[in-house]
């Protein structure tokens, strides 16, 4: 549904007597809610964003708002004439879009000159591209290539739209101004020239390769540099790598949206990495030192304090992710998981019973240090 089918005030969720400040605040709220950058791939949100922008463009201008309050959408659509919609001499066959109508209606009061001005060709469209990378790629950064189908400047005509060997001539309809004027009652209305579409020039013979558009769709391979430290949702802008503009206009930009795949070992929170490490019952009870692999592949020594409990977290400073476009690295947080043995020898069971008796206050033989005997028993198990 287009914005011309929805009341502008309803689109911005404001009352019809809302002041300029309220309308501006409402538009900002709606723009943030439906902006394409916050809703990638959501065509409905993008359409709503455009509708709200159109509504705000009208309501922020006192002259346009007054016309809208009086005539509604008919003020901007075809068919509005002296006799109202459907009656009398209409504007439908004479006038272009909303910008053309109001620029001509109100432009002369603010310095608009006769004949209007030639329109510049529109800049090419921006393009989004989703890329999936591994956590290791996010850590190290990398340079890769992507291939996309995109409008590019037509080589035979070099973007002019004219067949090689031919040229362009000034538009006779608008005398090269790009706009023409017509009078409706007390209004003098300026519109885009229907012959040259605002360019002020007419192509004598359109290029056969591009049909006069000055651009063609074809695959393009583009190098993408991914810096270390990127995160899920990081956006990389490649200026000038979007669609080529029509008739030699500047190209748009290409936006790379990164998605970091889930890792089997590490979880990520900003620059902090989290991992879970299992240790034996004896290591938990007696303490010790272990080594675990870091995200960069280097082995990281970890000191386990005696008596550590399952779920306890240890922190290694500077062993996490690099800071994007900054210096240093975040931390690695290690969550300890104590493994309970399931297969014990008779000797090991005996030692554990002695421990149990000690915990309950009962006496047990102390011919050898208790923890030393636990070590011996577990050494036997692992041999």
Protein backbone atom coordinates (compact mmCIF):
# COMPACT_ATOMS: atom_id res chain seq x y z
CA UNK A 1 0.00 0.00 0.00
CA UNK A 2 1.44 3.38 -1.02
CA UNK A 3 1.59 6.44 1.17
CA UNK A 4 -1.02 8.06 -1.07
CA UNK A 5 -3.51 5.49 0.20
CA UNK A 6 -2.80 6.18 3.89
CA UNK A 7 -3.46 9.41 5.77
CA UNK A 8 -0.17 11.17 6.41
CA UNK A 9 -1.10 11.92 10.02
CA UNK A 10 -1.96 8.26 10.61
CA UNK A 11 1.35 7.18 9.09
CA UNK A 12 3.26 9.30 11.62
CA UNK A 13 0.77 8.51 14.40
CA UNK A 14 0.09 12.16 15.25
CA UNK A 15 -3.05 14.28 15.57
CA UNK A 16 -4.06 16.56 12.71
CA UNK A 17 -3.40 19.61 14.87
CA UNK A 18 0.08 18.42 15.93
CA UNK A 19 2.76 21.11 15.95
CA UNK A 20 5.99 20.98 13.96
CA UNK A 21 8.03 19.69 16.89
CA UNK A 22 5.64 16.79 17.50
CA UNK A 23 5.60 15.86 13.82
CA UNK A 24 9.40 15.95 13.63
CA UNK A 25 9.75 13.79 16.75
CA UNK A 26 7.18 11.30 15.42
CA UNK A 27 8.99 11.04 12.10
CA UNK A 28 12.33 10.37 13.77
CA UNK A 29 10.75 7.64 15.86
CA UNK A 30 9.16 5.96 12.83
CA UNK A 31 12.32 6.36 10.74
CA UNK A 32 14.43 4.63 13.39
CA UNK A 33 11.86 1.86 13.64
CA UNK A 34 11.59 1.11 9.93
CA UNK A 35 15.04 2.16 8.62
CA UNK A 36 16.42 -0.43 6.11
CA UNK A 37 19.68 -0.68 8.07
CA UNK A 38 17.73 -1.96 11.09
CA UNK A 39 15.52 -4.22 8.98
CA UNK A 40 17.83 -5.76 6.37
CA UNK A 41 15.93 -7.71 3.73
CA UNK A 42 12.52 -6.58 5.04
CA UNK A 43 10.72 -5.12 2.01
CA UNK A 44 7.66 -4.18 4.06
CA UNK A 45 9.75 -2.15 6.53
CA UNK A 46 11.56 -0.43 3.65
CA UNK A 47 8.23 0.50 2.04
CA UNK A 48 6.94 1.86 5.36
CA UNK A 49 10.12 3.90 5.76
CA UNK A 50 9.55 5.50 2.36
CA UNK A 51 5.90 6.18 3.18
CA UNK A 52 6.83 7.93 6.44
CA UNK A 53 9.50 9.97 4.65
CA UNK A 54 6.94 11.06 2.06
CA UNK A 55 4.48 11.99 4.79
CA UNK A 56 7.06 14.02 6.70
CA UNK A 57 8.24 15.74 3.52
CA UNK A 58 4.70 17.05 3.12
CA UNK A 59 3.78 17.88 6.71
CA UNK A 60 7.02 19.65 7.61
CA UNK A 61 6.37 22.26 4.90
CA UNK A 62 3.66 24.77 5.93
CA UNK A 63 2.55 25.36 2.33
CA UNK A 64 2.39 21.70 1.44
CA UNK A 65 0.66 20.86 4.69
CA UNK A 66 -1.96 23.53 4.08
CA UNK A 67 -2.67 22.13 0.62
CA UNK A 68 -2.84 18.60 2.02
CA UNK A 69 -5.20 19.61 4.83
CA UNK A 70 -7.49 21.20 2.24
CA UNK A 71 -7.38 18.73 -0.62
CA UNK A 72 -5.87 15.57 0.92
CA UNK A 73 -3.92 13.31 -1.44
CA UNK A 74 -5.78 14.83 -4.37
CA UNK A 75 -3.48 17.82 -4.01
CA UNK A 76 -0.61 15.68 -5.29
CA UNK A 77 -2.32 13.17 -7.57
CA UNK A 78 -3.55 13.32 -11.11
CA UNK A 79 -7.08 14.52 -11.56
CA UNK A 80 -7.02 17.59 -9.32
CA UNK A 81 -8.47 20.50 -11.24
CA UNK A 82 -10.80 23.43 -10.99
CA UNK A 83 -13.86 21.15 -10.81
CA UNK A 84 -12.35 18.75 -8.27
CA UNK A 85 -11.49 15.07 -8.82
CA UNK A 86 -13.08 13.78 -11.97
CA UNK A 87 -14.47 17.13 -13.09
CA UNK A 88 -13.30 20.01 -15.23
CA UNK A 89 -9.88 20.34 -16.77
CA UNK A 90 -7.69 17.95 -14.74
CA UNK A 91 -4.03 18.06 -13.96
CA UNK A 92 -3.57 14.36 -14.65
CA UNK A 93 -2.30 14.76 -18.18
CA UNK A 94 -0.17 17.75 -17.34
CA UNK A 95 1.75 17.18 -14.15
CA UNK A 96 4.38 14.86 -12.76
CA UNK A 97 5.17 13.85 -9.19
CA UNK A 98 4.71 15.69 -5.91
CA UNK A 99 8.13 17.32 -6.07
CA UNK A 100 7.44 18.86 -9.48
CA UNK A 101 4.03 20.24 -8.46
CA UNK A 102 5.06 21.92 -5.23
CA UNK A 103 8.37 23.14 -6.50
CA UNK A 104 6.45 25.02 -9.17
CA UNK A 105 3.50 26.12 -7.00
CA UNK A 106 5.59 27.51 -4.17
CA UNK A 107 9.05 27.74 -5.70
CA UNK A 108 8.59 31.15 -7.32
CA UNK A 109 7.77 32.66 -3.94
CA UNK A 110 11.18 31.54 -2.68
CA UNK A 111 13.33 32.54 -5.63
CA UNK A 112 12.40 29.99 -8.30
CA UNK A 113 13.24 31.24 -11.77
CA UNK A 114 11.34 30.93 -15.02
CA UNK A 115 11.84 27.79 -16.97
CA UNK A 116 13.04 25.77 -13.97
CA UNK A 117 16.38 24.01 -13.80
CA UNK A 118 17.72 20.96 -15.51
CA UNK A 119 17.55 17.88 -13.29
CA UNK A 120 20.69 16.01 -12.51
CA UNK A 121 20.67 12.27 -13.16
CA UNK A 122 19.96 10.27 -10.05
CA UNK A 123 22.79 8.61 -8.16
CA UNK A 124 22.86 4.83 -8.48
CA UNK A 125 21.16 2.68 -5.86
CA UNK A 126 22.98 1.35 -2.79
CA UNK A 127 23.16 -2.44 -2.58
CA UNK A 128 23.24 -4.77 0.46
CA UNK A 129 25.18 -8.03 0.58
CA UNK A 130 25.15 -10.61 3.39
CA UNK A 131 28.43 -12.43 4.10
CA UNK A 132 29.01 -15.28 6.54
CA UNK A 133 32.44 -15.65 8.14
CA UNK A 134 33.99 -17.86 10.82
CA UNK A 135 35.02 -16.66 14.27
CA UNK A 136 38.65 -17.25 13.24
CA UNK A 137 38.12 -14.90 10.27
CA UNK A 138 36.63 -12.32 12.63
CA UNK A 139 39.71 -12.67 14.85
CA UNK A 140 42.38 -12.56 12.15
CA UNK A 141 40.61 -10.49 9.49
CA UNK A 142 40.93 -11.45 5.86
CA UNK A 143 40.67 -10.30 2.28
CA UNK A 144 38.16 -12.14 0.14
CA UNK A 145 36.28 -11.69 -3.12
CA UNK A 146 32.57 -11.70 -3.87
CA UNK A 147 30.76 -11.79 -7.20
CA UNK A 148 27.44 -9.98 -7.55
CA UNK A 149 25.10 -9.08 -10.40
CA UNK A 150 25.06 -5.28 -10.55
CA UNK A 151 24.32 -2.47 -12.98
CA UNK A 152 27.55 -1.15 -14.45
CA UNK A 153 28.42 1.62 -16.87
CA UNK A 154 27.78 0.55 -20.46
CA UNK A 155 31.16 0.28 -22.14
CA UNK A 156 30.13 0.97 -25.78
CA UNK A 157 28.48 4.32 -24.94
CA UNK A 158 30.54 5.00 -21.79
CA UNK A 159 27.37 5.68 -19.83
CA UNK A 160 25.95 8.37 -22.11
CA UNK A 161 23.12 6.19 -23.42
CA UNK A 162 23.83 7.30 -27.01
CA UNK A 163 24.94 4.96 -29.76
CA UNK A 164 28.69 5.45 -30.39
CA UNK A 165 29.21 8.00 -33.13
CA UNK A 166 26.00 9.84 -32.32
CA UNK A 167 25.27 12.47 -29.75
CA UNK A 168 22.58 14.40 -27.94
CA UNK A 169 20.65 17.53 -28.76
CA UNK A 170 18.83 20.06 -26.65
CA UNK A 171 15.23 19.21 -25.91
CA UNK A 172 12.87 21.31 -28.03
CA UNK A 173 9.96 20.79 -25.62
CA UNK A 174 11.63 22.55 -22.66
CA UNK A 175 14.37 24.40 -24.54
CA UNK A 176 16.99 22.57 -22.53
CA UNK A 177 15.66 23.58 -19.12
CA UNK A 178 14.40 20.11 -18.18
CA UNK A 179 11.04 21.52 -16.99
CA UNK A 180 7.96 23.05 -18.55
CA UNK A 181 5.27 25.27 -17.07
CA UNK A 182 1.50 25.37 -17.39
CA UNK A 183 -1.11 27.60 -15.79
CA UNK A 184 -4.10 26.26 -13.86
CA UNK A 185 -6.29 29.06 -12.62
CA UNK A 186 -4.14 31.29 -10.44
CA UNK A 187 -1.45 28.59 -10.13
CA UNK A 188 1.55 28.38 -12.43
CA UNK A 189 2.64 24.78 -12.21
CA UNK A 190 6.06 23.53 -13.22
CA UNK A 191 6.64 19.88 -14.07
CA UNK A 192 9.36 17.63 -15.37
CA UNK A 193 9.60 17.70 -19.13
CA UNK A 194 7.88 14.55 -20.47
CA UNK A 195 10.18 14.43 -23.50
CA UNK A 196 13.64 14.54 -21.90
CA UNK A 197 12.56 13.50 -18.37
CA UNK A 198 14.27 16.50 -16.83
CA UNK A 199 17.67 16.09 -18.45
CA UNK A 200 17.31 18.94 -20.94
CA UNK A 201 18.80 16.71 -23.64
CA UNK A 202 17.44 14.11 -26.00
CA UNK A 203 19.43 11.13 -27.25
CA UNK A 204 19.35 11.07 -31.04
CA UNK A 205 19.97 7.34 -31.30
CA UNK A 206 19.87 5.14 -28.17
CA UNK A 207 22.78 2.78 -27.59
CA UNK A 208 21.91 -0.75 -28.73
CA UNK A 209 23.89 -2.34 -25.90
CA UNK A 210 22.01 -0.64 -23.05
CA UNK A 211 18.84 0.62 -24.74
CA UNK A 212 19.74 4.21 -23.95
CA UNK A 213 20.05 3.67 -20.18
CA UNK A 214 23.81 4.09 -20.07
CA UNK A 215 24.19 0.99 -17.86
CA UNK A 216 23.86 -2.77 -18.13
CA UNK A 217 23.55 -5.62 -15.61
CA UNK A 218 26.49 -8.00 -15.43
CA UNK A 219 28.54 -9.92 -12.82
CA UNK A 220 31.23 -7.99 -10.99
CA UNK A 221 33.96 -9.43 -8.76
CA UNK A 222 34.80 -7.18 -5.82
CA UNK A 223 37.58 -7.48 -3.23
CA UNK A 224 36.44 -7.10 0.38
CA UNK A 225 38.85 -6.35 3.24
CA UNK A 226 37.54 -7.61 6.59
CA UNK A 227 39.46 -6.03 9.50
CA UNK A 228 40.25 -8.00 12.68
CA UNK A 229 37.68 -7.66 15.45
CA UNK A 230 34.49 -7.48 13.37
CA UNK A 231 31.35 -8.78 15.05
CA UNK A 232 28.00 -10.16 14.01
CA UNK A 233 26.13 -7.32 12.29
CA UNK A 234 29.22 -5.26 11.44
CA UNK A 235 28.63 -3.27 8.24
CA UNK A 236 31.39 -2.57 5.72
CA UNK A 237 30.78 0.21 3.19
CA UNK A 238 32.40 -0.01 -0.24
CA UNK A 239 31.95 3.42 -1.79
CA UNK A 240 31.06 3.46 -5.48
CA UNK A 241 30.55 -0.31 -5.71
CA UNK A 242 26.75 -0.19 -5.88
CA UNK A 243 24.63 0.22 -8.98
CA UNK A 244 25.82 2.60 -11.66
CA UNK A 245 23.76 5.77 -11.97
CA UNK A 246 21.72 6.30 -15.13
CA UNK A 247 23.23 8.36 -17.93
CA UNK A 248 26.63 8.58 -16.32
CA UNK A 249 25.46 9.61 -12.84
CA UNK A 250 27.64 8.57 -9.87
CA UNK A 251 27.26 4.97 -8.66
CA UNK A 252 25.77 3.99 -5.31
CA UNK A 253 27.57 2.16 -2.53
CA UNK A 254 27.78 -1.51 -1.60
CA UNK A 255 27.14 -2.46 2.03
CA UNK A 256 28.53 -5.77 3.32
CA UNK A 257 26.63 -7.09 6.37
CA UNK A 258 28.72 -9.65 8.28
CA UNK A 259 27.30 -12.70 10.05
CA UNK A 260 29.72 -14.63 12.28
CA UNK A 261 29.05 -18.38 12.43
CA UNK A 262 28.62 -20.10 15.79
CA UNK A 263 31.87 -21.65 17.04
CA UNK A 264 32.13 -25.15 18.47
CA UNK A 265 34.37 -24.12 21.38
CA UNK A 266 34.07 -20.40 21.98
CA UNK A 267 31.17 -18.06 22.63
CA UNK A 268 31.54 -14.34 22.17
CA UNK A 269 30.34 -11.27 24.05
CA UNK A 270 31.89 -8.21 22.42
CA UNK A 271 35.65 -8.62 22.73
CA UNK A 272 35.31 -11.29 25.46
CA UNK A 273 35.49 -14.98 24.59
CA UNK A 274 33.95 -17.66 26.80
CA UNK A 275 34.75 -21.36 26.84
CA UNK A 276 34.09 -24.37 29.09
CA UNK A 277 36.95 -26.65 30.12
CA UNK A 278 36.52 -30.05 31.85
CA UNK A 279 39.06 -31.05 34.50
CA UNK A 280 39.50 -34.21 36.55
CA UNK A 281 38.28 -34.63 40.10
CA UNK A 282 41.83 -34.80 41.42
CA UNK A 283 42.91 -31.64 39.60
CA UNK A 284 39.92 -29.85 41.07
CA UNK A 285 40.74 -31.11 44.58
CA UNK A 286 44.51 -30.72 44.51
CA UNK A 287 44.98 -27.92 41.99
CA UNK A 288 47.39 -27.98 39.11
CA UNK A 289 48.12 -26.46 35.73
CA UNK A 290 46.56 -27.23 32.36
CA UNK A 291 46.87 -25.83 28.83
CA UNK A 292 44.01 -24.99 26.48
CA UNK A 293 44.10 -23.80 22.84
CA UNK A 294 43.25 -20.13 22.24
CA UNK A 295 41.32 -18.70 19.30
CA UNK A 296 44.66 -17.89 17.64
CA UNK A 297 45.85 -21.51 17.98
CA UNK A 298 48.42 -20.76 20.69
CA UNK A 299 48.35 -22.86 23.87
CA UNK A 300 47.30 -20.91 26.95
CA UNK A 301 48.49 -22.08 30.42
CA UNK A 302 45.79 -22.03 33.09
CA UNK A 303 46.51 -22.40 36.81
CA UNK A 304 43.81 -24.35 38.64
CA UNK A 305 43.57 -23.47 42.35
CA UNK A 306 43.06 -26.37 44.78
CA UNK A 307 39.46 -26.95 45.75
CA UNK A 308 37.94 -25.23 42.72
CA UNK A 309 34.24 -25.89 42.20
CA UNK A 310 32.42 -26.75 38.99
CA UNK A 311 31.07 -23.59 37.39
CA UNK A 312 33.87 -21.37 38.72
CA UNK A 313 35.18 -18.93 36.10
CA UNK A 314 38.81 -18.04 35.53
CA UNK A 315 39.89 -15.04 33.45
CA UNK A 316 42.90 -14.74 31.13
CA UNK A 317 43.59 -11.14 30.31
CA UNK A 318 44.32 -10.26 26.68
CA UNK A 319 43.39 -13.68 25.27
CA UNK A 320 40.05 -12.66 23.73
CA UNK A 321 39.05 -10.92 20.50
CA UNK A 322 40.93 -7.91 19.11
CA UNK A 323 39.36 -4.47 19.44
CA UNK A 324 37.90 -3.40 16.09
CA UNK A 325 39.96 -0.52 14.69
CA UNK A 326 41.63 -0.21 18.07
CA UNK A 327 44.48 -1.67 20.09
CA UNK A 328 44.71 -4.65 22.38
CA UNK A 329 42.47 -7.65 22.93
CA UNK A 330 39.63 -8.58 25.23
CA UNK A 331 39.70 -11.38 27.79
CA UNK A 332 39.13 -15.13 27.72
CA UNK A 333 36.76 -16.40 30.41
CA UNK A 334 37.16 -20.10 31.27
CA UNK A 335 34.32 -21.89 33.01
CA UNK A 336 35.51 -24.96 34.91
CA UNK A 337 33.55 -28.19 34.66
CA UNK A 338 34.63 -30.83 37.21
CA UNK A 339 34.21 -34.35 35.85
CA UNK A 340 33.05 -37.00 38.30
CA UNK A 341 34.76 -40.36 37.68
CA UNK A 342 32.44 -43.23 36.79
CA UNK A 343 34.90 -46.18 36.75
CA UNK A 344 36.98 -46.70 39.89
CA UNK A 345 39.35 -49.41 41.00
CA UNK A 346 38.93 -51.04 44.41
CA UNK A 347 41.88 -49.03 45.73
CA UNK A 348 40.39 -45.75 44.53
CA UNK A 349 37.06 -46.59 46.15
CA UNK A 350 38.87 -47.35 49.39
CA UNK A 351 40.60 -43.96 49.34
CA UNK A 352 37.33 -42.17 48.67
CA UNK A 353 35.69 -44.01 51.55
CA UNK A 354 38.51 -42.82 53.78
CA UNK A 355 37.80 -39.28 52.60
CA UNK A 356 34.13 -39.74 53.33
CA UNK A 357 34.92 -40.99 56.84
CA UNK A 358 37.18 -38.01 57.39
CA UNK A 359 34.40 -35.62 56.34
CA UNK A 360 31.97 -37.30 58.81
CA UNK A 361 34.46 -37.12 61.66
CA UNK A 362 35.31 -40.84 61.80
CA UNK A 363 38.94 -41.85 62.14
CA UNK A 364 40.81 -43.40 59.22
CA UNK A 365 44.36 -44.67 58.88
CA UNK A 366 46.86 -41.94 58.05
CA UNK A 367 49.84 -44.05 57.07
CA UNK A 368 50.38 -41.71 54.18
CA UNK A 369 49.13 -38.23 53.36
CA UNK A 370 45.57 -38.56 52.17
CA UNK A 371 45.87 -36.36 49.12
CA UNK A 372 49.14 -38.08 48.23
CA UNK A 373 47.25 -41.38 48.19
CA UNK A 374 44.57 -39.85 45.95
CA UNK A 375 47.29 -38.83 43.53
CA UNK A 376 48.72 -42.34 43.53
CA UNK A 377 45.30 -43.89 42.96
CA UNK A 378 44.49 -41.61 40.03
CA UNK A 379 47.91 -42.19 38.54
CA UNK A 380 47.13 -45.90 38.62
CA UNK A 381 43.84 -45.19 36.82
CA UNK A 382 45.50 -43.25 34.04
CA UNK A 383 48.41 -45.60 33.49
